[in-house]
Amino acid sequence: MTQLPHPKPGASTSTYDSWQDARIKDLWRVFRIMGEFVDGFETLSEVGPAVSIFGSARTKPDHPNYLLAEQVASALVARGFGVISGGGPGIMEAANKGARDAKGVSVGLNIDLPHEQKPNPYIDPEHLIDFNFFFVRKVMFVKYAQGFVVLPGGFGTMDELFEALTLIQTHKSTPFPVVLMGSKFWSGLLDWLKSTMLEAGNISPENLELFSVTDDPQEAAELISKFYQDRAMTPNF
């Protein structure tokens, strides 16, 4: 193992000691990361076909988007899919509630945040996983999902959306359907993708076909279901 050079005689050792301490912590952190991957793979590999639903944690139960998430989750369950969410409040809670009310599989991939997110009450207890590392959680959202449904959200929602599109675009994942719900919310982004990103040659025209847009929860569920009429449902990588 490569060692840091020892400090010269008489020099301060504080930086050297701090760096060595950080290296030791990083080595132990590897085992924590491995443990989260193992827990995630073990739990989600037994879930069966499921769809990940994303959206803002700040959406209140009386907001139309909350009801929309419930409805699309229910529509997916009716077509034989389980539902995966980020496990927290807002759209995540609505997705789990819709799945639970429709008597489907309800999975929550919760993230441990200081003074913030707690698991919502609509997750199947055996399908709740708590993560410390965002990047491990993101792998789980993609690996075992047969599709993404993305409702209006913030930075985290955009992160998940563009991560998925990048994986499909670069063939690092098998193709899976991505459905954006809420055409008014997404219209500005879609216009920018076409008028700026596509116009600059930073994406290809076919990249804009990697996702669909709808306001209808039944159509969203049907788009995902039809995608697999002549395709096998398997983990994405």
C-alpha atoms as a PDB file:
ATOM      1  CA  MET A   1       0.000   0.000   0.000  1.00  0.00           C
ATOM      2  CA  THR A   2       1.347   3.431  -0.916  1.00  0.00           C
ATOM      3  CA  GLN A   3       2.408   5.448   2.097  1.00  0.00           C
ATOM      4  CA  LEU A   4       2.419   9.194   2.494  1.00  0.00           C
ATOM      5  CA  PRO A   5       5.916  10.657   2.927  1.00  0.00           C
ATOM      6  CA  HIS A   6       6.700  11.287   6.568  1.00  0.00           C
ATOM      7  CA  PRO A   7       6.999  14.927   7.585  1.00  0.00           C
ATOM      8  CA  LYS A   8      10.465  16.391   7.881  1.00  0.00           C
ATOM      9  CA  PRO A   9      11.952  16.564  11.384  1.00  0.00           C
ATOM     10  CA  GLY A  10      10.573  19.524  13.253  1.00  0.00           C
ATOM     11  CA  ALA A  11       7.665  20.040  10.836  1.00  0.00           C
ATOM     12  CA  SER A  12       4.048  19.969  11.969  1.00  0.00           C
ATOM     13  CA  THR A  13       2.537  16.484  11.862  1.00  0.00           C
ATOM     14  CA  SER A  14      -1.086  17.618  12.055  1.00  0.00           C
ATOM     15  CA  THR A  15      -1.709  17.528   8.292  1.00  0.00           C
ATOM     16  CA  TYR A  16       0.012  14.167   7.941  1.00  0.00           C
ATOM     17  CA  ASP A  17      -1.963  12.655  10.828  1.00  0.00           C
ATOM     18  CA  SER A  18      -5.251  14.069   9.556  1.00  0.00           C
ATOM     19  CA  TRP A  19      -4.628  12.656   6.093  1.00  0.00           C
ATOM     20  CA  GLN A  20      -3.765   9.228   7.498  1.00  0.00           C
ATOM     21  CA  ASP A  21      -6.908   9.271   9.638  1.00  0.00           C
ATOM     22  CA  ALA A  22      -8.997  10.112   6.576  1.00  0.00           C
ATOM     23  CA  ARG A  23      -7.440   7.234   4.632  1.00  0.00           C
ATOM     24  CA  ILE A  24      -8.298   4.766   7.385  1.00  0.00           C
ATOM     25  CA  LYS A  25     -11.880   6.042   7.520  1.00  0.00           C
ATOM     26  CA  ASP A  26     -12.150   5.688   3.739  1.00  0.00           C
ATOM     27  CA  LEU A  27     -11.045   2.049   3.912  1.00  0.00           C
ATOM     28  CA  TRP A  28     -13.775   1.270   6.433  1.00  0.00           C
ATOM     29  CA  ARG A  29     -16.250   3.287   4.368  1.00  0.00           C
ATOM     30  CA  VAL A  30     -15.723   0.829   1.502  1.00  0.00           C
ATOM     31  CA  PHE A  31     -17.274  -1.907   3.640  1.00  0.00           C
ATOM     32  CA  ARG A  32     -20.269   0.297   4.481  1.00  0.00           C
ATOM     33  CA  ILE A  33     -20.773   0.970   0.770  1.00  0.00           C
ATOM     34  CA  MET A  34     -20.513  -2.742  -0.026  1.00  0.00           C
ATOM     35  CA  GLY A  35     -23.053  -3.488   2.697  1.00  0.00           C
ATOM     36  CA  GLU A  36     -25.569  -1.065   1.189  1.00  0.00           C
ATOM     37  CA  PHE A  37     -25.135  -2.622  -2.249  1.00  0.00           C
ATOM     38  CA  VAL A  38     -25.641  -6.113  -0.829  1.00  0.00           C
ATOM     39  CA  ASP A  39     -28.794  -5.098   1.085  1.00  0.00           C
ATOM     40  CA  GLY A  40     -30.198  -3.343  -1.977  1.00  0.00           C
ATOM     41  CA  PHE A  41     -29.486  -6.181  -4.392  1.00  0.00           C
ATOM     42  CA  GLU A  42     -30.850  -8.778  -1.994  1.00  0.00           C
ATOM     43  CA  THR A  43     -34.110  -6.942  -1.316  1.00  0.00           C
ATOM     44  CA  LEU A  44     -34.875  -5.621  -4.788  1.00  0.00           C
ATOM     45  CA  SER A  45     -33.970  -8.790  -6.673  1.00  0.00           C
ATOM     46  CA  GLU A  46     -36.996 -10.416  -5.018  1.00  0.00           C
ATOM     47  CA  VAL A  47     -39.476  -7.624  -5.815  1.00  0.00           C
ATOM     48  CA  GLY A  48     -40.233  -8.515  -9.428  1.00  0.00           C
ATOM     49  CA  PRO A  49     -41.068  -6.051 -12.218  1.00  0.00           C
ATOM     50  CA  ALA A  50     -41.396  -2.549 -10.798  1.00  0.00           C
ATOM     51  CA  VAL A  51     -41.389   1.089 -11.901  1.00  0.00           C
ATOM     52  CA  SER A  52     -39.558   3.927 -10.149  1.00  0.00           C
ATOM     53  CA  ILE A  53     -41.636   7.068  -9.586  1.00  0.00           C
ATOM     54  CA  PHE A  54     -39.931  10.406  -8.897  1.00  0.00           C
ATOM     55  CA  GLY A  55     -41.040  13.892  -7.949  1.00  0.00           C
ATOM     56  CA  SER A  56     -40.781  16.603  -5.346  1.00  0.00           C
ATOM     57  CA  ALA A  57     -40.644  15.761  -1.657  1.00  0.00           C
ATOM     58  CA  ARG A  58     -42.330  19.136  -1.044  1.00  0.00           C
ATOM     59  CA  THR A  59     -45.612  18.287  -2.787  1.00  0.00           C
ATOM     60  CA  LYS A  60     -48.508  18.418  -0.318  1.00  0.00           C
ATOM     61  CA  PRO A  61     -51.327  15.842  -0.205  1.00  0.00           C
ATOM     62  CA  ASP A  62     -53.847  18.420  -1.463  1.00  0.00           C
ATOM     63  CA  HIS A  63     -51.784  19.234  -4.568  1.00  0.00           C
ATOM     64  CA  PRO A  64     -52.972  17.856  -7.950  1.00  0.00           C
ATOM     65  CA  ASN A  65     -49.566  16.273  -8.555  1.00  0.00           C
ATOM     66  CA  TYR A  66     -49.936  14.209  -5.382  1.00  0.00           C
ATOM     67  CA  LEU A  67     -53.164  12.730  -6.719  1.00  0.00           C
ATOM     68  CA  LEU A  68     -51.530  12.220 -10.118  1.00  0.00           C
ATOM     69  CA  ALA A  69     -48.748  10.173  -8.509  1.00  0.00           C
ATOM     70  CA  GLU A  70     -51.296   8.072  -6.627  1.00  0.00           C
ATOM     71  CA  GLN A  71     -53.216   7.425  -9.818  1.00  0.00           C
ATOM     72  CA  VAL A  72     -50.232   6.435 -11.912  1.00  0.00           C
ATOM     73  CA  ALA A  73     -48.996   4.108  -9.161  1.00  0.00           C
ATOM     74  CA  SER A  74     -52.404   2.443  -9.036  1.00  0.00           C
ATOM     75  CA  ALA A  75     -52.480   2.136 -12.829  1.00  0.00           C
ATOM     76  CA  LEU A  76     -49.060   0.486 -12.818  1.00  0.00           C
ATOM     77  CA  VAL A  77     -50.115  -2.013 -10.154  1.00  0.00           C
ATOM     78  CA  ALA A  78     -53.160  -2.904 -12.263  1.00  0.00           C
ATOM     79  CA  ARG A  79     -50.736  -3.831 -15.059  1.00  0.00           C
ATOM     80  CA  GLY A  80     -48.634  -6.060 -12.838  1.00  0.00           C
ATOM     81  CA  PHE A  81     -45.885  -3.684 -11.746  1.00  0.00           C
ATOM     82  CA  GLY A  82     -44.654  -2.860  -8.284  1.00  0.00           C
ATOM     83  CA  VAL A  83     -43.751   0.723  -7.393  1.00  0.00           C
ATOM     84  CA  ILE A  84     -40.382   2.034  -6.204  1.00  0.00           C
ATOM     85  CA  SER A  85     -40.058   5.489  -4.653  1.00  0.00           C
ATOM     86  CA  GLY A  86     -37.462   7.428  -2.727  1.00  0.00           C
ATOM     87  CA  GLY A  87     -39.333   6.533   0.429  1.00  0.00           C
ATOM     88  CA  GLY A  88     -39.960  10.053   1.712  1.00  0.00           C
ATOM     89  CA  PRO A  89     -42.844  12.548   1.639  1.00  0.00           C
ATOM     90  CA  GLY A  90     -44.522  14.366  -1.242  1.00  0.00           C
ATOM     91  CA  ILE A  91     -44.646  12.571  -4.588  1.00  0.00           C
ATOM     92  CA  MET A  92     -42.730   9.660  -3.074  1.00  0.00           C
ATOM     93  CA  GLU A  93     -45.397   9.180  -0.425  1.00  0.00           C
ATOM     94  CA  ALA A  94     -48.169   9.495  -3.015  1.00  0.00           C
ATOM     95  CA  ALA A  95     -46.561   6.807  -5.181  1.00  0.00           C
ATOM     96  CA  ASN A  96     -46.291   4.395  -2.263  1.00  0.00           C
ATOM     97  CA  LYS A  97     -49.832   5.209  -1.159  1.00  0.00           C
ATOM     98  CA  GLY A  98     -51.216   4.538  -4.624  1.00  0.00           C
ATOM     99  CA  ALA A  99     -49.405   1.206  -4.768  1.00  0.00           C
ATOM    100  CA  ARG A 100     -50.504   0.198  -1.272  1.00  0.00           C
ATOM    101  CA  ASP A 101     -54.145   1.161  -1.894  1.00  0.00           C
ATOM    102  CA  ALA A 102     -54.115  -0.900  -5.103  1.00  0.00           C
ATOM    103  CA  LYS A 103     -52.683  -3.842  -3.135  1.00  0.00           C
ATOM    104  CA  GLY A 104     -49.426  -3.812  -5.053  1.00  0.00           C
ATOM    105  CA  VAL A 105     -45.780  -4.017  -4.053  1.00  0.00           C
ATOM    106  CA  SER A 106     -44.661  -0.730  -2.462  1.00  0.00           C
ATOM    107  CA  VAL A 107     -40.890  -0.197  -2.202  1.00  0.00           C
ATOM    108  CA  GLY A 108     -39.129   2.713  -0.501  1.00  0.00           C
ATOM    109  CA  LEU A 109     -35.450   3.548  -0.963  1.00  0.00           C
ATOM    110  CA  ASN A 110     -35.041   6.026   1.848  1.00  0.00           C
ATOM    111  CA  ILE A 111     -32.001   8.289   2.259  1.00  0.00           C
ATOM    112  CA  ASP A 112     -30.641   9.220   5.660  1.00  0.00           C
ATOM    113  CA  LEU A 113     -30.541  13.030   5.823  1.00  0.00           C
ATOM    114  CA  PRO A 114     -29.882  15.118   8.949  1.00  0.00           C
ATOM    115  CA  HIS A 115     -33.115  16.481  10.441  1.00  0.00           C
ATOM    116  CA  GLU A 116     -35.024  15.654   7.263  1.00  0.00           C
ATOM    117  CA  GLN A 117     -36.418  12.666   5.475  1.00  0.00           C
ATOM    118  CA  LYS A 118     -38.208   9.877   7.294  1.00  0.00           C
ATOM    119  CA  PRO A 119     -39.854   6.905   5.565  1.00  0.00           C
ATOM    120  CA  ASN A 120     -43.493   7.410   4.686  1.00  0.00           C
ATOM    121  CA  PRO A 121     -46.051   4.985   6.193  1.00  0.00           C
ATOM    122  CA  TYR A 122     -47.158   3.421   2.893  1.00  0.00           C
ATOM    123  CA  ILE A 123     -44.023   1.348   2.235  1.00  0.00           C
ATOM    124  CA  ASP A 124     -44.121  -2.417   2.713  1.00  0.00           C
ATOM    125  CA  PRO A 125     -41.966  -2.981   5.819  1.00  0.00           C
ATOM    126  CA  GLU A 126     -40.040  -5.759   4.087  1.00  0.00           C
ATOM    127  CA  HIS A 127     -39.374  -3.459   1.114  1.00  0.00           C
ATOM    128  CA  LEU A 128     -37.937  -0.484   2.993  1.00  0.00           C
ATOM    129  CA  ILE A 129     -34.207   0.115   2.594  1.00  0.00           C
ATOM    130  CA  ASP A 130     -32.302   2.960   4.261  1.00  0.00           C
ATOM    131  CA  PHE A 131     -29.253   4.357   2.496  1.00  0.00           C
ATOM    132  CA  ASN A 132     -26.451   6.636   3.625  1.00  0.00           C
ATOM    133  CA  PHE A 133     -24.968   7.064   0.154  1.00  0.00           C
ATOM    134  CA  PHE A 134     -26.894   8.767  -2.633  1.00  0.00           C
ATOM    135  CA  PHE A 135     -24.924   7.017  -5.367  1.00  0.00           C
ATOM    136  CA  VAL A 136     -25.774   3.533  -4.061  1.00  0.00           C
ATOM    137  CA  ARG A 137     -29.431   4.490  -3.867  1.00  0.00           C
ATOM    138  CA  LYS A 138     -29.342   5.797  -7.441  1.00  0.00           C
ATOM    139  CA  VAL A 139     -28.012   2.465  -8.690  1.00  0.00           C
ATOM    140  CA  MET A 140     -30.954   0.695  -7.050  1.00  0.00           C
ATOM    141  CA  PHE A 141     -33.497   3.029  -8.646  1.00  0.00           C
ATOM    142  CA  VAL A 142     -32.214   2.110 -12.101  1.00  0.00           C
ATOM    143  CA  LYS A 143     -31.048  -1.490 -11.845  1.00  0.00           C
ATOM    144  CA  TYR A 144     -34.364  -3.062 -10.875  1.00  0.00           C
ATOM    145  CA  ALA A 145     -36.809  -0.633 -12.524  1.00  0.00           C
ATOM    146  CA  GLN A 146     -38.666  -1.532 -15.702  1.00  0.00           C
ATOM    147  CA  GLY A 147     -39.387   2.134 -16.246  1.00  0.00           C
ATOM    148  CA  PHE A 148     -39.258   5.638 -14.800  1.00  0.00           C
ATOM    149  CA  VAL A 149     -42.228   7.925 -14.227  1.00  0.00           C
ATOM    150  CA  VAL A 150     -41.041  11.443 -13.448  1.00  0.00           C
ATOM    151  CA  LEU A 151     -43.374  14.060 -12.015  1.00  0.00           C
ATOM    152  CA  PRO A 152     -42.528  17.702 -11.279  1.00  0.00           C
ATOM    153  CA  GLY A 153     -39.666  18.037  -8.825  1.00  0.00           C
ATOM    154  CA  GLY A 154     -36.425  19.768  -7.952  1.00  0.00           C
ATOM    155  CA  PHE A 155     -32.706  19.093  -8.266  1.00  0.00           C
ATOM    156  CA  GLY A 156     -32.964  15.491  -7.075  1.00  0.00           C
ATOM    157  CA  THR A 157     -35.685  14.696  -9.588  1.00  0.00           C
ATOM    158  CA  MET A 158     -33.646  16.228 -12.420  1.00  0.00           C
ATOM    159  CA  ASP A 159     -30.603  14.281 -11.266  1.00  0.00           C
ATOM    160  CA  GLU A 160     -32.456  10.970 -11.480  1.00  0.00           C
ATOM    161  CA  LEU A 161     -34.010  11.839 -14.846  1.00  0.00           C
ATOM    162  CA  PHE A 162     -30.797  12.807 -16.590  1.00  0.00           C
ATOM    163  CA  GLU A 163     -28.868   9.946 -15.000  1.00  0.00           C
ATOM    164  CA  ALA A 164     -31.361   7.520 -16.541  1.00  0.00           C
ATOM    165  CA  LEU A 165     -31.314   9.206 -19.942  1.00  0.00           C
ATOM    166  CA  THR A 166     -27.508   9.219 -19.957  1.00  0.00           C
ATOM    167  CA  LEU A 167     -27.322   5.510 -19.115  1.00  0.00           C
ATOM    168  CA  ILE A 168     -29.752   4.651 -21.912  1.00  0.00           C
ATOM    169  CA  GLN A 169     -28.083   7.033 -24.391  1.00  0.00           C
ATOM    170  CA  THR A 170     -24.617   5.571 -23.750  1.00  0.00           C
ATOM    171  CA  HIS A 171     -25.856   1.946 -23.706  1.00  0.00           C
ATOM    172  CA  LYS A 172     -24.660   1.444 -20.142  1.00  0.00           C
ATOM    173  CA  SER A 173     -28.181   0.260 -19.361  1.00  0.00           C
ATOM    174  CA  THR A 174     -30.631  -1.771 -21.354  1.00  0.00           C
ATOM    175  CA  PRO A 175     -33.339   0.544 -22.749  1.00  0.00           C
ATOM    176  CA  PHE A 176     -36.339   1.220 -20.516  1.00  0.00           C
ATOM    177  CA  PRO A 177     -39.242   3.645 -20.879  1.00  0.00           C
ATOM    178  CA  VAL A 178     -39.039   7.088 -19.265  1.00  0.00           C
ATOM    179  CA  VAL A 179     -42.320   8.969 -18.933  1.00  0.00           C
ATOM    180  CA  LEU A 180     -42.565  12.610 -17.884  1.00  0.00           C
ATOM    181  CA  MET A 181     -45.882  13.582 -16.315  1.00  0.00           C
ATOM    182  CA  GLY A 182     -47.106  17.172 -16.237  1.00  0.00           C
ATOM    183  CA  SER A 183     -46.675  18.681 -19.700  1.00  0.00           C
ATOM    184  CA  LYS A 184     -46.935  22.269 -18.471  1.00  0.00           C
ATOM    185  CA  PHE A 185     -44.106  21.756 -15.984  1.00  0.00           C
ATOM    186  CA  TRP A 186     -41.814  20.077 -18.533  1.00  0.00           C
ATOM    187  CA  SER A 187     -42.587  22.301 -21.525  1.00  0.00           C
ATOM    188  CA  GLY A 188     -39.865  24.873 -20.829  1.00  0.00           C
ATOM    189  CA  LEU A 189     -37.198  22.204 -20.426  1.00  0.00           C
ATOM    190  CA  LEU A 190     -38.310  20.407 -23.592  1.00  0.00           C
ATOM    191  CA  ASP A 191     -38.229  23.660 -25.564  1.00  0.00           C
ATOM    192  CA  TRP A 192     -34.691  24.313 -24.302  1.00  0.00           C
ATOM    193  CA  LEU A 193     -33.534  20.808 -25.183  1.00  0.00           C
ATOM    194  CA  LYS A 194     -34.763  21.312 -28.746  1.00  0.00           C
ATOM    195  CA  SER A 195     -33.833  24.956 -29.312  1.00  0.00           C
ATOM    196  CA  THR A 196     -30.515  25.010 -27.481  1.00  0.00           C
ATOM    197  CA  MET A 197     -29.033  21.600 -26.759  1.00  0.00           C
ATOM    198  CA  LEU A 198     -30.133  19.949 -30.007  1.00  0.00           C
ATOM    199  CA  GLU A 199     -29.440  23.073 -32.052  1.00  0.00           C
ATOM    200  CA  ALA A 200     -25.887  23.190 -30.682  1.00  0.00           C
ATOM    201  CA  GLY A 201     -25.330  19.578 -31.709  1.00  0.00           C
ATOM    202  CA  ASN A 202     -24.846  18.396 -28.125  1.00  0.00           C
ATOM    203  CA  ILE A 203     -27.511  15.714 -28.500  1.00  0.00           C
ATOM    204  CA  SER A 204     -28.939  13.840 -31.494  1.00  0.00           C
ATOM    205  CA  PRO A 205     -32.572  14.047 -32.639  1.00  0.00           C
ATOM    206  CA  GLU A 206     -33.118  10.425 -31.610  1.00  0.00           C
ATOM    207  CA  ASN A 207     -32.108  11.298 -28.042  1.00  0.00           C
ATOM    208  CA  LEU A 208     -35.363  13.215 -27.739  1.00  0.00           C
ATOM    209  CA  GLU A 209     -37.175   9.931 -28.334  1.00  0.00           C
ATOM    210  CA  LEU A 210     -35.772   8.401 -25.136  1.00  0.00           C
ATOM    211  CA  PHE A 211     -38.761   9.758 -23.173  1.00  0.00           C
ATOM    212  CA  SER A 212     -42.474  10.428 -23.530  1.00  0.00           C
ATOM    213  CA  VAL A 213     -44.661  13.173 -22.060  1.00  0.00           C
ATOM    214  CA  THR A 214     -48.244  12.792 -20.856  1.00  0.00           C
ATOM    215  CA  ASP A 215     -50.755  14.142 -18.350  1.00  0.00           C
ATOM    216  CA  ASP A 216     -52.762  10.922 -18.232  1.00  0.00           C
ATOM    217  CA  PRO A 217     -51.804   8.326 -15.588  1.00  0.00           C
ATOM    218  CA  GLN A 218     -53.454   5.532 -17.566  1.00  0.00           C
ATOM    219  CA  GLU A 219     -51.466   6.466 -20.659  1.00  0.00           C
ATOM    220  CA  ALA A 220     -48.256   6.595 -18.640  1.00  0.00           C
ATOM    221  CA  ALA A 221     -48.826   3.081 -17.329  1.00  0.00           C
ATOM    222  CA  GLU A 222     -49.841   1.835 -20.781  1.00  0.00           C
ATOM    223  CA  LEU A 223     -46.680   3.275 -22.387  1.00  0.00           C
ATOM    224  CA  ILE A 224     -44.566   1.251 -19.984  1.00  0.00           C
ATOM    225  CA  SER A 225     -46.656  -1.882 -20.333  1.00  0.00           C
ATOM    226  CA  LYS A 226     -46.573  -1.762 -24.158  1.00  0.00           C
ATOM    227  CA  PHE A 227     -42.804  -1.287 -24.149  1.00  0.00           C
ATOM    228  CA  TYR A 228     -42.485  -4.836 -22.799  1.00  0.00           C
ATOM    229  CA  GLN A 229     -44.925  -6.564 -25.126  1.00  0.00           C
ATOM    230  CA  ASP A 230     -42.007  -8.005 -27.101  1.00  0.00           C
ATOM    231  CA  ARG A 231     -39.184  -7.476 -24.589  1.00  0.00           C
ATOM    232  CA  ALA A 232     -38.067  -9.475 -21.574  1.00  0.00           C
ATOM    233  CA  MET A 233     -38.217  -7.865 -18.138  1.00  0.00           C
ATOM    234  CA  THR A 234     -34.773  -8.178 -16.561  1.00  0.00           C
ATOM    235  CA  PRO A 235     -32.491  -6.018 -14.401  1.00  0.00           C
ATOM    236  CA  ASN A 236     -31.119  -3.185 -16.525  1.00  0.00           C
ATOM    237  CA  PHE A 237     -27.419  -4.009 -16.094  1.00  0.00           C
END
